[in-house]
Amino acid sequence: MNHIRKVKGESKTHLTPAEQEILTYILCGNNNKMIAEKMGTNIGTIRAQLQGLYRFLGYRNKEHLLQDHLCPIKVQKSIDVMMGDKNEW
């Protein structure tokens, strides 16, 4: 899976701090409304950030992401990606 995304003409190889926070909330079972409240933003912003997050990580939607993270190896891979680990899996 390729974890490089273009941002303003630059290659990005890791998640932003906001994306890391959102991913953590998702993996802990929070819904979009709860995440928006915790982050002090609106639900539309969370939805938009989630769409970018799913594309970046190669998932179609939240269910696909959560289903994939039932495997401990894949959870570790996502943690490595969140932390900016450049090692290839």
Protein backbone atom coordinates (compact mmCIF):
# COMPACT_ATOMS: atom_id res chain seq x y z
CA MET A 1 0.00 0.00 0.00
CA ASN A 2 1.37 3.41 -0.94
CA HIS A 3 1.23 5.94 1.90
CA ILE A 4 2.40 8.97 -0.07
CA ARG A 5 -0.02 11.76 -0.84
CA LYS A 6 0.42 15.06 -2.62
CA VAL A 7 -0.16 18.21 -0.57
CA LYS A 8 0.38 21.53 -2.33
CA GLY A 9 2.83 19.92 -4.75
CA GLU A 10 4.81 18.11 -2.05
CA SER A 11 4.85 14.40 -1.28
CA LYS A 12 3.54 13.57 2.15
CA THR A 13 4.50 10.29 3.76
CA HIS A 14 2.73 10.46 7.12
CA LEU A 15 -0.50 11.54 8.74
CA THR A 16 -0.97 15.05 10.09
CA PRO A 17 -1.47 15.43 13.86
CA ALA A 18 -5.21 16.03 13.27
CA GLU A 19 -5.47 12.89 11.14
CA GLN A 20 -3.64 10.90 13.81
CA GLU A 21 -6.07 12.19 16.42
CA ILE A 22 -9.10 11.35 14.27
CA LEU A 23 -7.78 7.86 13.53
CA THR A 24 -7.23 7.25 17.23
CA TYR A 25 -10.78 8.34 18.01
CA ILE A 26 -12.18 6.12 15.23
CA LEU A 27 -10.23 3.08 16.44
CA CYS A 28 -11.50 3.75 19.98
CA GLY A 29 -15.10 3.57 18.75
CA ASN A 30 -16.06 7.24 18.58
CA ASN A 31 -18.54 8.37 15.94
CA ASN A 32 -18.13 11.50 13.80
CA LYS A 33 -20.26 13.68 16.09
CA MET A 34 -18.24 12.65 19.15
CA ILE A 35 -14.97 13.32 17.33
CA ALA A 36 -16.15 16.77 16.22
CA GLU A 37 -17.10 17.64 19.79
CA LYS A 38 -13.79 16.40 21.19
CA MET A 39 -11.80 18.31 18.57
CA GLY A 40 -13.90 21.47 18.81
CA THR A 41 -14.92 21.48 15.16
CA ASN A 42 -18.00 20.67 13.12
CA ILE A 43 -19.04 17.30 11.79
CA GLY A 44 -18.58 18.42 8.16
CA THR A 45 -14.89 19.08 8.81
CA ILE A 46 -14.48 15.64 10.38
CA ARG A 47 -16.20 13.97 7.42
CA ALA A 48 -13.91 15.78 4.98
CA GLN A 49 -10.81 14.86 6.97
CA LEU A 50 -11.95 11.26 7.19
CA GLN A 51 -12.36 11.01 3.41
CA GLY A 52 -8.77 12.19 2.96
CA LEU A 53 -7.60 9.83 5.69
CA TYR A 54 -9.33 6.84 4.09
CA ARG A 55 -7.82 7.66 0.68
CA PHE A 56 -4.37 8.12 2.21
CA LEU A 57 -4.50 4.78 4.03
CA GLY A 58 -6.19 2.97 1.13
CA TYR A 59 -9.61 2.34 2.69
CA ARG A 60 -13.06 2.84 1.19
CA ASN A 61 -14.79 3.86 4.41
CA LYS A 62 -14.84 3.53 8.20
CA GLU A 63 -16.17 -0.03 8.11
CA HIS A 64 -13.36 -1.12 5.78
CA LEU A 65 -10.78 0.49 8.09
CA LEU A 66 -12.23 -1.07 11.24
CA GLN A 67 -12.59 -4.49 9.63
CA ASP A 68 -8.96 -4.40 8.55
CA HIS A 69 -7.78 -3.43 12.03
CA LEU A 70 -9.02 -6.61 13.63
CA CYS A 71 -5.61 -8.05 12.66
CA PRO A 72 -2.85 -7.02 15.16
CA ILE A 73 -0.18 -6.85 12.44
CA LYS A 74 -2.27 -4.37 10.47
CA VAL A 75 -2.85 -2.30 13.60
CA GLN A 76 0.91 -2.08 14.12
CA LYS A 77 1.36 -1.09 10.48
CA SER A 78 -1.09 1.78 10.91
CA ILE A 79 0.62 2.90 14.09
CA ASP A 80 3.93 2.93 12.23
CA VAL A 81 2.37 4.97 9.43
CA MET A 82 0.87 7.41 11.94
CA MET A 83 4.23 7.88 13.57
CA GLY A 84 5.91 8.52 10.23
CA ASP A 85 7.86 5.24 10.11
CA LYS A 86 9.20 4.94 6.58
CA ASN A 87 9.88 1.20 6.75
CA GLU A 88 8.20 -0.78 4.00
CA TRP A 89 5.86 -3.59 4.97
